[in-house]
Amino acid sequence: MLLKKDKKNYGLKKSWYIFGSDIPITNSRLRDRKNQLCKKAELKQIRIHDFRHSCASLLINNGANITIVAKYLGHTKIDETLNTYSHMFKNKLNDVVNTINKLT
């Protein structure tokens, strides 16, 4: 992603990319590096996109506001986030039931 002239650049050069300094990192280079690190750490290979899913899941499981998670992921509608991560809320439903039971 190339920085635009009208945005604050926080001291970065206008021709710098978020990843890779002055030239972008290619998808294959990023994937190859991930694969090397997974192999070295003896971890299961996962897709780059799975990191995004893991991040969102961790945020939700640790009580992050779903509206904020949706914005963080770049979802235009919260429904997209809720539909994708609804399985994460099953544990939260148990928490609600337990809270109600404690009130009675």
PDB file of N, CA and C in Angstrom:
ATOM      1  N   MET A   1       0.846  -1.173   0.000  1.00  0.00           N
ATOM      2  CA  MET A   1       0.000   0.000   0.000  1.00  0.00           C
ATOM      3  C   MET A   1       0.892   1.236   0.000  1.00  0.00           C
ATOM      4  N   LEU A   2       0.811   2.022  -1.009  1.00  0.00           N
ATOM      5  CA  LEU A   2       1.612   3.234  -1.128  1.00  0.00           C
ATOM      6  C   LEU A   2       0.960   4.347  -0.326  1.00  0.00           C
ATOM      7  N   LEU A   3       1.755   5.082   0.447  1.00  0.00           N
ATOM      8  CA  LEU A   3       1.220   6.187   1.248  1.00  0.00           C
ATOM      9  C   LEU A   3       0.798   7.331   0.333  1.00  0.00           C
ATOM     10  N   LYS A   4      -0.353   7.910   0.605  1.00  0.00           N
ATOM     11  CA  LYS A   4      -0.856   9.018  -0.207  1.00  0.00           C
ATOM     12  C   LYS A   4      -0.303  10.340   0.316  1.00  0.00           C
ATOM     13  N   LYS A   5      -0.205  11.322  -0.564  1.00  0.00           N
ATOM     14  CA  LYS A   5       0.356  12.625  -0.208  1.00  0.00           C
ATOM     15  C   LYS A   5      -0.483  13.346   0.836  1.00  0.00           C
ATOM     16  N   ASP A   6      -1.814  13.174   0.791  1.00  0.00           N
ATOM     17  CA  ASP A   6      -2.678  13.930   1.687  1.00  0.00           C
ATOM     18  C   ASP A   6      -2.818  13.284   3.069  1.00  0.00           C
ATOM     19  N   LYS A   7      -2.259  12.122   3.292  1.00  0.00           N
ATOM     20  CA  LYS A   7      -2.320  11.438   4.586  1.00  0.00           C
ATOM     21  C   LYS A   7      -1.069  11.758   5.390  1.00  0.00           C
ATOM     22  N   LYS A   8      -1.205  11.727   6.730  1.00  0.00           N
ATOM     23  CA  LYS A   8      -0.030  11.883   7.575  1.00  0.00           C
ATOM     24  C   LYS A   8       0.879  10.689   7.324  1.00  0.00           C
ATOM     25  N   ASN A   9       2.163  10.933   7.217  1.00  0.00           N
ATOM     26  CA  ASN A   9       3.065   9.826   6.924  1.00  0.00           C
ATOM     27  C   ASN A   9       3.976   9.470   8.086  1.00  0.00           C
ATOM     28  N   TYR A  10       3.829  10.135   9.217  1.00  0.00           N
ATOM     29  CA  TYR A  10       4.557   9.790  10.437  1.00  0.00           C
ATOM     30  C   TYR A  10       6.052   9.569  10.204  1.00  0.00           C
ATOM     31  N   GLY A  11       6.634  10.407   9.378  1.00  0.00           N
ATOM     32  CA  GLY A  11       8.066  10.351   9.137  1.00  0.00           C
ATOM     33  C   GLY A  11       8.492   9.343   8.073  1.00  0.00           C
ATOM     34  N   LEU A  12       7.549   8.615   7.494  1.00  0.00           N
ATOM     35  CA  LEU A  12       7.892   7.658   6.438  1.00  0.00           C
ATOM     36  C   LEU A  12       7.994   8.384   5.102  1.00  0.00           C
ATOM     37  N   LYS A  13       8.806   7.855   4.239  1.00  0.00           N
ATOM     38  CA  LYS A  13       8.898   8.418   2.898  1.00  0.00           C
ATOM     39  C   LYS A  13       7.591   8.146   2.160  1.00  0.00           C
ATOM     40  N   LYS A  14       7.218   9.042   1.280  1.00  0.00           N
ATOM     41  CA  LYS A  14       5.974   8.864   0.537  1.00  0.00           C
ATOM     42  C   LYS A  14       6.013   7.656  -0.385  1.00  0.00           C
ATOM     43  N   SER A  15       7.198   7.182  -0.745  1.00  0.00           N
ATOM     44  CA  SER A  15       7.291   6.032  -1.639  1.00  0.00           C
ATOM     45  C   SER A  15       7.461   4.717  -0.877  1.00  0.00           C
ATOM     46  N   TRP A  16       7.354   4.739   0.439  1.00  0.00           N
ATOM     47  CA  TRP A  16       7.514   3.512   1.222  1.00  0.00           C
ATOM     48  C   TRP A  16       6.208   2.745   1.302  1.00  0.00           C
ATOM     49  N   TYR A  17       6.331   1.442   1.400  1.00  0.00           N
ATOM     50  CA  TYR A  17       5.186   0.567   1.594  1.00  0.00           C
ATOM     51  C   TYR A  17       5.131   0.153   3.059  1.00  0.00           C
ATOM     52  N   ILE A  18       3.967  -0.260   3.501  1.00  0.00           N
ATOM     53  CA  ILE A  18       3.820  -0.667   4.891  1.00  0.00           C
ATOM     54  C   ILE A  18       4.741  -1.852   5.192  1.00  0.00           C
ATOM     55  N   PHE A  19       4.819  -2.807   4.292  1.00  0.00           N
ATOM     56  CA  PHE A  19       5.717  -3.952   4.442  1.00  0.00           C
ATOM     57  C   PHE A  19       6.730  -3.918   3.310  1.00  0.00           C
ATOM     58  N   GLY A  20       7.999  -3.956   3.650  1.00  0.00           N
ATOM     59  CA  GLY A  20       9.019  -4.040   2.628  1.00  0.00           C
ATOM     60  C   GLY A  20       9.744  -2.744   2.333  1.00  0.00           C
ATOM     61  N   SER A  21       9.575  -1.728   3.160  1.00  0.00           N
ATOM     62  CA  SER A  21      10.260  -0.441   2.996  1.00  0.00           C
ATOM     63  C   SER A  21       9.930   0.222   1.673  1.00  0.00           C
ATOM     64  N   ASP A  22      10.908   0.298   0.756  1.00  0.00           N
ATOM     65  CA  ASP A  22      10.682   1.056  -0.475  1.00  0.00           C
ATOM     66  C   ASP A  22      10.201   0.195  -1.631  1.00  0.00           C
ATOM     67  N   ILE A  23      10.162  -1.131  -1.474  1.00  0.00           N
ATOM     68  CA  ILE A  23       9.557  -2.010  -2.475  1.00  0.00           C
ATOM     69  C   ILE A  23       8.625  -2.974  -1.740  1.00  0.00           C
ATOM     70  N   PRO A  24       7.506  -3.315  -2.335  1.00  0.00           N
ATOM     71  CA  PRO A  24       6.566  -4.193  -1.632  1.00  0.00           C
ATOM     72  C   PRO A  24       7.092  -5.628  -1.531  1.00  0.00           C
ATOM     73  N   ILE A  25       6.709  -6.302  -0.453  1.00  0.00           N
ATOM     74  CA  ILE A  25       7.037  -7.724  -0.316  1.00  0.00           C
ATOM     75  C   ILE A  25       6.033  -8.500  -1.146  1.00  0.00           C
ATOM     76  N   THR A  26       6.509  -9.410  -1.952  1.00  0.00           N
ATOM     77  CA  THR A  26       5.604 -10.199  -2.785  1.00  0.00           C
ATOM     78  C   THR A  26       4.900 -11.252  -1.934  1.00  0.00           C
ATOM     79  N   ASN A  27       3.740 -11.689  -2.406  1.00  0.00           N
ATOM     80  CA  ASN A  27       2.997 -12.731  -1.703  1.00  0.00           C
ATOM     81  C   ASN A  27       3.824 -13.996  -1.551  1.00  0.00           C
ATOM     82  N   SER A  28       4.549 -14.354  -2.604  1.00  0.00           N
ATOM     83  CA  SER A  28       5.330 -15.593  -2.546  1.00  0.00           C
ATOM     84  C   SER A  28       6.477 -15.473  -1.535  1.00  0.00           C
ATOM     85  N   ARG A  29       7.082 -14.314  -1.432  1.00  0.00           N
ATOM     86  CA  ARG A  29       8.173 -14.136  -0.476  1.00  0.00           C
ATOM     87  C   ARG A  29       7.658 -14.219   0.961  1.00  0.00           C
ATOM     88  N   LEU A  30       6.520 -13.600   1.212  1.00  0.00           N
ATOM     89  CA  LEU A  30       5.905 -13.653   2.530  1.00  0.00           C
ATOM     90  C   LEU A  30       5.522 -15.096   2.888  1.00  0.00           C
ATOM     91  N   ARG A  31       4.903 -15.793   1.932  1.00  0.00           N
ATOM     92  CA  ARG A  31       4.496 -17.192   2.142  1.00  0.00           C
ATOM     93  C   ARG A  31       5.712 -18.079   2.378  1.00  0.00           C
ATOM     94  N   ASP A  32       6.756 -17.897   1.595  1.00  0.00           N
ATOM     95  CA  ASP A  32       7.966 -18.711   1.748  1.00  0.00           C
ATOM     96  C   ASP A  32       8.608 -18.498   3.121  1.00  0.00           C
ATOM     97  N   ARG A  33       8.640 -17.259   3.567  1.00  0.00           N
ATOM     98  CA  ARG A  33       9.225 -16.948   4.883  1.00  0.00           C
ATOM     99  C   ARG A  33       8.397 -17.580   6.001  1.00  0.00           C
ATOM    100  N   LYS A  34       7.080 -17.482   5.886  1.00  0.00           N
ATOM    101  CA  LYS A  34       6.183 -18.105   6.860  1.00  0.00           C
ATOM    102  C   LYS A  34       6.404 -19.604   6.904  1.00  0.00           C
ATOM    103  N   ASN A  35       6.510 -20.230   5.726  1.00  0.00           N
ATOM    104  CA  ASN A  35       6.722 -21.673   5.654  1.00  0.00           C
ATOM    105  C   ASN A  35       8.056 -22.080   6.280  1.00  0.00           C
ATOM    106  N   GLN A  36       9.095 -21.298   6.045  1.00  0.00           N
ATOM    107  CA  GLN A  36      10.402 -21.578   6.645  1.00  0.00           C
ATOM    108  C   GLN A  36      10.325 -21.512   8.164  1.00  0.00           C
ATOM    109  N   LEU A  37       9.665 -20.480   8.683  1.00  0.00           N
ATOM    110  CA  LEU A  37       9.562 -20.311  10.131  1.00  0.00           C
ATOM    111  C   LEU A  37       8.700 -21.403  10.772  1.00  0.00           C
ATOM    112  N   CYS A  38       7.627 -21.790  10.096  1.00  0.00           N
ATOM    113  CA  CYS A  38       6.780 -22.879  10.616  1.00  0.00           C
ATOM    114  C   CYS A  38       7.560 -24.187  10.662  1.00  0.00           C
ATOM    115  N   LYS A  39       8.323 -24.444   9.615  1.00  0.00           N
ATOM    116  CA  LYS A  39       9.113 -25.674   9.566  1.00  0.00           C
ATOM    117  C   LYS A  39      10.165 -25.668  10.686  1.00  0.00           C
ATOM    118  N   LYS A  40      10.844 -24.554  10.840  1.00  0.00           N
ATOM    119  CA  LYS A  40      11.880 -24.429  11.866  1.00  0.00           C
ATOM    120  C   LYS A  40      11.295 -24.615  13.270  1.00  0.00           C
ATOM    121  N   ALA A  41      10.102 -24.073  13.498  1.00  0.00           N
ATOM    122  CA  ALA A  41       9.450 -24.169  14.806  1.00  0.00           C
ATOM    123  C   ALA A  41       8.649 -25.464  14.952  1.00  0.00           C
ATOM    124  N   GLU A  42       8.642 -26.282  13.892  1.00  0.00           N
ATOM    125  CA  GLU A  42       7.890 -27.542  13.865  1.00  0.00           C
ATOM    126  C   GLU A  42       6.404 -27.309  14.134  1.00  0.00           C
ATOM    127  N   LEU A  43       5.859 -26.290  13.468  1.00  0.00           N
ATOM    128  CA  LEU A  43       4.443 -25.956  13.578  1.00  0.00           C
ATOM    129  C   LEU A  43       3.720 -26.350  12.297  1.00  0.00           C
ATOM    130  N   LYS A  44       2.430 -26.588  12.426  1.00  0.00           N
ATOM    131  CA  LYS A  44       1.589 -26.900  11.278  1.00  0.00           C
ATOM    132  C   LYS A  44       1.571 -25.712  10.313  1.00  0.00           C
ATOM    133  N   GLN A  45       1.642 -26.005   9.030  1.00  0.00           N
ATOM    134  CA  GLN A  45       1.564 -24.955   8.014  1.00  0.00           C
ATOM    135  C   GLN A  45       0.121 -24.466   7.926  1.00  0.00           C
ATOM    136  N   ILE A  46      -0.067 -23.169   7.974  1.00  0.00           N
ATOM    137  CA  ILE A  46      -1.382 -22.578   7.775  1.00  0.00           C
ATOM    138  C   ILE A  46      -1.275 -21.501   6.710  1.00  0.00           C
ATOM    139  N   ARG A  47      -2.426 -21.131   6.164  1.00  0.00           N
ATOM    140  CA  ARG A  47      -2.438 -20.074   5.147  1.00  0.00           C
ATOM    141  C   ARG A  47      -2.247 -18.718   5.815  1.00  0.00           C
ATOM    142  N   ILE A  48      -1.767 -17.750   5.074  1.00  0.00           N
ATOM    143  CA  ILE A  48      -1.609 -16.389   5.592  1.00  0.00           C
ATOM    144  C   ILE A  48      -2.956 -15.874   6.094  1.00  0.00           C
ATOM    145  N   HIS A  49      -4.031 -16.155   5.370  1.00  0.00           N
ATOM    146  CA  HIS A  49      -5.362 -15.693   5.766  1.00  0.00           C
ATOM    147  C   HIS A  49      -5.776 -16.266   7.125  1.00  0.00           C
ATOM    148  N   ASP A  50      -5.261 -17.441   7.474  1.00  0.00           N
ATOM    149  CA  ASP A  50      -5.588 -18.049   8.767  1.00  0.00           C
ATOM    150  C   ASP A  50      -5.079 -17.204   9.938  1.00  0.00           C
ATOM    151  N   PHE A  51      -4.021 -16.448   9.728  1.00  0.00           N
ATOM    152  CA  PHE A  51      -3.539 -15.539  10.771  1.00  0.00           C
ATOM    153  C   PHE A  51      -4.607 -14.479  11.077  1.00  0.00           C
ATOM    154  N   ARG A  52      -5.262 -13.998  10.045  1.00  0.00           N
ATOM    155  CA  ARG A  52      -6.337 -13.010  10.202  1.00  0.00           C
ATOM    156  C   ARG A  52      -7.476 -13.606  11.027  1.00  0.00           C
ATOM    157  N   HIS A  53      -7.857 -14.840  10.683  1.00  0.00           N
ATOM    158  CA  HIS A  53      -8.936 -15.515  11.397  1.00  0.00           C
ATOM    159  C   HIS A  53      -8.543 -15.759  12.855  1.00  0.00           C
ATOM    160  N   SER A  54      -7.307 -16.164  13.073  1.00  0.00           N
ATOM    161  CA  SER A  54      -6.826 -16.393  14.443  1.00  0.00           C
ATOM    162  C   SER A  54      -6.834 -15.102  15.244  1.00  0.00           C
ATOM    163  N   CYS A  55      -6.402 -14.035  14.637  1.00  0.00           N
ATOM    164  CA  CYS A  55      -6.381 -12.734  15.315  1.00  0.00           C
ATOM    165  C   CYS A  55      -7.790 -12.334  15.725  1.00  0.00           C
ATOM    166  N   ALA A  56      -8.736 -12.418  14.801  1.00  0.00           N
ATOM    167  CA  ALA A  56     -10.119 -12.054  15.107  1.00  0.00           C
ATOM    168  C   ALA A  56     -10.690 -12.954  16.197  1.00  0.00           C
ATOM    169  N   SER A  57     -10.399 -14.234  16.127  1.00  0.00           N
ATOM    170  CA  SER A  57     -10.891 -15.187  17.122  1.00  0.00           C
ATOM    171  C   SER A  57     -10.335 -14.875  18.504  1.00  0.00           C
ATOM    172  N   LEU A  58      -9.057 -14.576  18.564  1.00  0.00           N
ATOM    173  CA  LEU A  58      -8.438 -14.223  19.849  1.00  0.00           C
ATOM    174  C   LEU A  58      -9.043 -12.948  20.420  1.00  0.00           C
ATOM    175  N   LEU A  59      -9.275 -11.967  19.568  1.00  0.00           N
ATOM    176  CA  LEU A  59      -9.884 -10.719  20.027  1.00  0.00           C
ATOM    177  C   LEU A  59     -11.271 -10.973  20.604  1.00  0.00           C
ATOM    178  N   ILE A  60     -12.087 -11.738  19.888  1.00  0.00           N
ATOM    179  CA  ILE A  60     -13.448 -12.020  20.325  1.00  0.00           C
ATOM    180  C   ILE A  60     -13.439 -12.824  21.623  1.00  0.00           C
ATOM    181  N   ASN A  61     -12.595 -13.844  21.684  1.00  0.00           N
ATOM    182  CA  ASN A  61     -12.525 -14.685  22.888  1.00  0.00           C
ATOM    183  C   ASN A  61     -12.037 -13.924  24.104  1.00  0.00           C
ATOM    184  N   ASN A  62     -11.333 -12.841  23.882  1.00  0.00           N
ATOM    185  CA  ASN A  62     -10.817 -12.059  25.006  1.00  0.00           C
ATOM    186  C   ASN A  62     -11.661 -10.820  25.276  1.00  0.00           C
ATOM    187  N   GLY A  63     -12.887 -10.833  24.756  1.00  0.00           N
ATOM    188  CA  GLY A  63     -13.856  -9.803  25.113  1.00  0.00           C
ATOM    189  C   GLY A  63     -13.831  -8.530  24.295  1.00  0.00           C
ATOM    190  N   ALA A  64     -13.146  -8.531  23.163  1.00  0.00           N
ATOM    191  CA  ALA A  64     -13.131  -7.331  22.326  1.00  0.00           C
ATOM    192  C   ALA A  64     -14.532  -7.061  21.790  1.00  0.00           C
ATOM    193  N   ASN A  65     -14.874  -5.811  21.672  1.00  0.00           N
ATOM    194  CA  ASN A  65     -16.169  -5.398  21.142  1.00  0.00           C
ATOM    195  C   ASN A  65     -16.256  -5.823  19.678  1.00  0.00           C
ATOM    196  N   ILE A  66     -17.338  -6.521  19.325  1.00  0.00           N
ATOM    197  CA  ILE A  66     -17.476  -7.059  17.969  1.00  0.00           C
ATOM    198  C   ILE A  66     -17.530  -5.953  16.918  1.00  0.00           C
ATOM    199  N   THR A  67     -18.072  -4.804  17.267  1.00  0.00           N
ATOM    200  CA  THR A  67     -18.111  -3.682  16.327  1.00  0.00           C
ATOM    201  C   THR A  67     -16.695  -3.199  16.015  1.00  0.00           C
ATOM    202  N   ILE A  68     -15.861  -3.141  17.038  1.00  0.00           N
ATOM    203  CA  ILE A  68     -14.470  -2.719  16.844  1.00  0.00           C
ATOM    204  C   ILE A  68     -13.704  -3.768  16.054  1.00  0.00           C
ATOM    205  N   VAL A  69     -13.944  -5.050  16.349  1.00  0.00           N
ATOM    206  CA  VAL A  69     -13.289  -6.128  15.597  1.00  0.00           C
ATOM    207  C   VAL A  69     -13.670  -6.036  14.123  1.00  0.00           C
ATOM    208  N   ALA A  70     -14.944  -5.778  13.850  1.00  0.00           N
ATOM    209  CA  ALA A  70     -15.403  -5.650  12.456  1.00  0.00           C
ATOM    210  C   ALA A  70     -14.666  -4.513  11.746  1.00  0.00           C
ATOM    211  N   LYS A  71     -14.530  -3.375  12.421  1.00  0.00           N
ATOM    212  CA  LYS A  71     -13.809  -2.241  11.823  1.00  0.00           C
ATOM    213  C   LYS A  71     -12.340  -2.597  11.604  1.00  0.00           C
ATOM    214  N   TYR A  72     -11.743  -3.258  12.587  1.00  0.00           N
ATOM    215  CA  TYR A  72     -10.334  -3.658  12.499  1.00  0.00           C
ATOM    216  C   TYR A  72     -10.096  -4.571  11.293  1.00  0.00           C
ATOM    217  N   LEU A  73     -11.062  -5.461  11.036  1.00  0.00           N
ATOM    218  CA  LEU A  73     -10.940  -6.385   9.913  1.00  0.00           C
ATOM    219  C   LEU A  73     -11.287  -5.741   8.575  1.00  0.00           C
ATOM    220  N   GLY A  74     -11.869  -4.541   8.635  1.00  0.00           N
ATOM    221  CA  GLY A  74     -12.243  -3.852   7.399  1.00  0.00           C
ATOM    222  C   GLY A  74     -13.587  -4.291   6.850  1.00  0.00           C
ATOM    223  N   HIS A  75     -14.402  -4.944   7.683  1.00  0.00           N
ATOM    224  CA  HIS A  75     -15.728  -5.347   7.238  1.00  0.00           C
ATOM    225  C   HIS A  75     -16.632  -4.119   7.191  1.00  0.00           C
ATOM    226  N   THR A  76     -17.361  -3.956   6.101  1.00  0.00           N
ATOM    227  CA  THR A  76     -18.241  -2.802   5.965  1.00  0.00           C
ATOM    228  C   THR A  76     -19.517  -2.964   6.776  1.00  0.00           C
ATOM    229  N   LYS A  77     -19.911  -4.223   7.012  1.00  0.00           N
ATOM    230  CA  LYS A  77     -21.106  -4.497   7.807  1.00  0.00           C
ATOM    231  C   LYS A  77     -20.738  -5.471   8.916  1.00  0.00           C
ATOM    232  N   ILE A  78     -21.267  -5.224  10.099  1.00  0.00           N
ATOM    233  CA  ILE A  78     -20.990  -6.088  11.238  1.00  0.00           C
ATOM    234  C   ILE A  78     -21.519  -7.502  10.993  1.00  0.00           C
ATOM    235  N   ASP A  79     -22.553  -7.622  10.140  1.00  0.00           N
ATOM    236  CA  ASP A  79     -23.111  -8.943   9.820  1.00  0.00           C
ATOM    237  C   ASP A  79     -22.051  -9.879   9.264  1.00  0.00           C
ATOM    238  N   GLU A  80     -21.158  -9.332   8.460  1.00  0.00           N
ATOM    239  CA  GLU A  80     -20.087 -10.144   7.874  1.00  0.00           C
ATOM    240  C   GLU A  80     -19.222 -10.755   8.975  1.00  0.00           C
ATOM    241  N   THR A  81     -18.901  -9.956   9.972  1.00  0.00           N
ATOM    242  CA  THR A  81     -18.092 -10.429  11.089  1.00  0.00           C
ATOM    243  C   THR A  81     -18.876 -11.442  11.921  1.00  0.00           C
ATOM    244  N   LEU A  82     -20.129 -11.119  12.226  1.00  0.00           N
ATOM    245  CA  LEU A  82     -20.953 -12.020  13.024  1.00  0.00           C
ATOM    246  C   LEU A  82     -21.169 -13.358  12.330  1.00  0.00           C
ATOM    247  N   ASN A  83     -21.407 -13.346  11.028  1.00  0.00           N
ATOM    248  CA  ASN A  83     -21.612 -14.593  10.290  1.00  0.00           C
ATOM    249  C   ASN A  83     -20.345 -15.437  10.231  1.00  0.00           C
ATOM    250  N   THR A  84     -19.208 -14.782  10.090  1.00  0.00           N
ATOM    251  CA  THR A  84     -17.941 -15.508   9.984  1.00  0.00           C
ATOM    252  C   THR A  84     -17.492 -16.064  11.328  1.00  0.00           C
ATOM    253  N   TYR A  85     -17.741 -15.325  12.397  1.00  0.00           N
ATOM    254  CA  TYR A  85     -17.208 -15.695  13.709  1.00  0.00           C
ATOM    255  C   TYR A  85     -18.290 -16.059  14.723  1.00  0.00           C
ATOM    256  N   SER A  86     -19.500 -16.371  14.255  1.00  0.00           N
ATOM    257  CA  SER A  86     -20.593 -16.668  15.181  1.00  0.00           C
ATOM    258  C   SER A  86     -20.279 -17.863  16.073  1.00  0.00           C
ATOM    259  N   HIS A  87     -19.510 -18.815  15.567  1.00  0.00           N
ATOM    260  CA  HIS A  87     -19.155 -19.981  16.392  1.00  0.00           C
ATOM    261  C   HIS A  87     -18.351 -19.578  17.631  1.00  0.00           C
ATOM    262  N   MET A  88     -17.727 -18.412  17.586  1.00  0.00           N
ATOM    263  CA  MET A  88     -16.935 -17.934  18.713  1.00  0.00           C
ATOM    264  C   MET A  88     -17.814 -17.491  19.887  1.00  0.00           C
ATOM    265  N   PHE A  89     -19.087 -17.250  19.613  1.00  0.00           N
ATOM    266  CA  PHE A  89     -19.966 -16.715  20.644  1.00  0.00           C
ATOM    267  C   PHE A  89     -20.701 -17.797  21.430  1.00  0.00           C
ATOM    268  N   LYS A  90     -20.502 -19.075  21.078  1.00  0.00           N
ATOM    269  CA  LYS A  90     -21.161 -20.149  21.813  1.00  0.00           C
ATOM    270  C   LYS A  90     -20.729 -20.156  23.275  1.00  0.00           C
ATOM    271  N   ASN A  91     -19.450 -19.941  23.537  1.00  0.00           N
ATOM    272  CA  ASN A  91     -18.960 -19.880  24.911  1.00  0.00           C
ATOM    273  C   ASN A  91     -19.534 -18.663  25.629  1.00  0.00           C
ATOM    274  N   LYS A  92     -19.706 -17.579  24.917  1.00  0.00           N
ATOM    275  CA  LYS A  92     -20.253 -16.364  25.517  1.00  0.00           C
ATOM    276  C   LYS A  92     -21.705 -16.585  25.949  1.00  0.00           C
ATOM    277  N   LEU A  93     -22.454 -17.401  25.187  1.00  0.00           N
ATOM    278  CA  LEU A  93     -23.825 -17.710  25.552  1.00  0.00           C
ATOM    279  C   LEU A  93     -23.859 -18.453  26.888  1.00  0.00           C
ATOM    280  N   ASN A  94     -22.941 -19.371  27.090  1.00  0.00           N
ATOM    281  CA  ASN A  94     -22.846 -20.076  28.368  1.00  0.00           C
ATOM    282  C   ASN A  94     -22.565 -19.091  29.502  1.00  0.00           C
ATOM    283  N   ASP A  95     -21.739 -18.097  29.243  1.00  0.00           N
ATOM    284  CA  ASP A  95     -21.441 -17.079  30.259  1.00  0.00           C
ATOM    285  C   ASP A  95     -22.700 -16.308  30.643  1.00  0.00           C
ATOM    286  N   VAL A  96     -23.531 -15.981  29.650  1.00  0.00           N
ATOM    287  CA  VAL A  96     -24.769 -15.252  29.908  1.00  0.00           C
ATOM    288  C   VAL A  96     -25.713 -16.113  30.752  1.00  0.00           C
ATOM    289  N   VAL A  97     -25.852 -17.379  30.394  1.00  0.00           N
ATOM    290  CA  VAL A  97     -26.719 -18.290  31.148  1.00  0.00           C
ATOM    291  C   VAL A  97     -26.221 -18.419  32.584  1.00  0.00           C
ATOM    292  N   ASN A  98     -24.918 -18.563  32.767  1.00  0.00           N
ATOM    293  CA  ASN A  98     -24.342 -18.673  34.114  1.00  0.00           C
ATOM    294  C   ASN A  98     -24.587 -17.402  34.928  1.00  0.00           C
ATOM    295  N   THR A  99     -24.487 -16.252  34.291  1.00  0.00           N
ATOM    296  CA  THR A  99     -24.739 -14.982  34.977  1.00  0.00           C
ATOM    297  C   THR A  99     -26.196 -14.907  35.428  1.00  0.00           C
ATOM    298  N   ILE A 100     -27.096 -15.287  34.554  1.00  0.00           N
ATOM    299  CA  ILE A 100     -28.526 -15.274  34.904  1.00  0.00           C
ATOM    300  C   ILE A 100     -28.807 -16.240  36.047  1.00  0.00           C
ATOM    301  N   ASN A 101     -28.194 -17.418  36.003  1.00  0.00           N
ATOM    302  CA  ASN A 101     -28.390 -18.398  37.072  1.00  0.00           C
ATOM    303  C   ASN A 101     -27.887 -17.882  38.420  1.00  0.00           C
ATOM    304  N   LYS A 102     -26.838 -17.107  38.411  1.00  0.00           N
ATOM    305  CA  LYS A 102     -26.307 -16.545  39.654  1.00  0.00           C
ATOM    306  C   LYS A 102     -27.234 -15.490  40.237  1.00  0.00           C
ATOM    307  N   LEU A 103     -28.026 -14.842  39.400  1.00  0.00           N
ATOM    308  CA  LEU A 103     -28.942 -13.802  39.855  1.00  0.00           C
ATOM    309  C   LEU A 103     -30.171 -14.375  40.562  1.00  0.00           C
ATOM    310  N   THR A 104     -30.510 -15.624  40.280  1.00  0.00           N
ATOM    311  CA  THR A 104     -31.717 -16.216  40.868  1.00  0.00           C
ATOM    312  C   THR A 104     -31.434 -16.929  42.161  1.00  0.00           C
TER     313      THR A 104
END
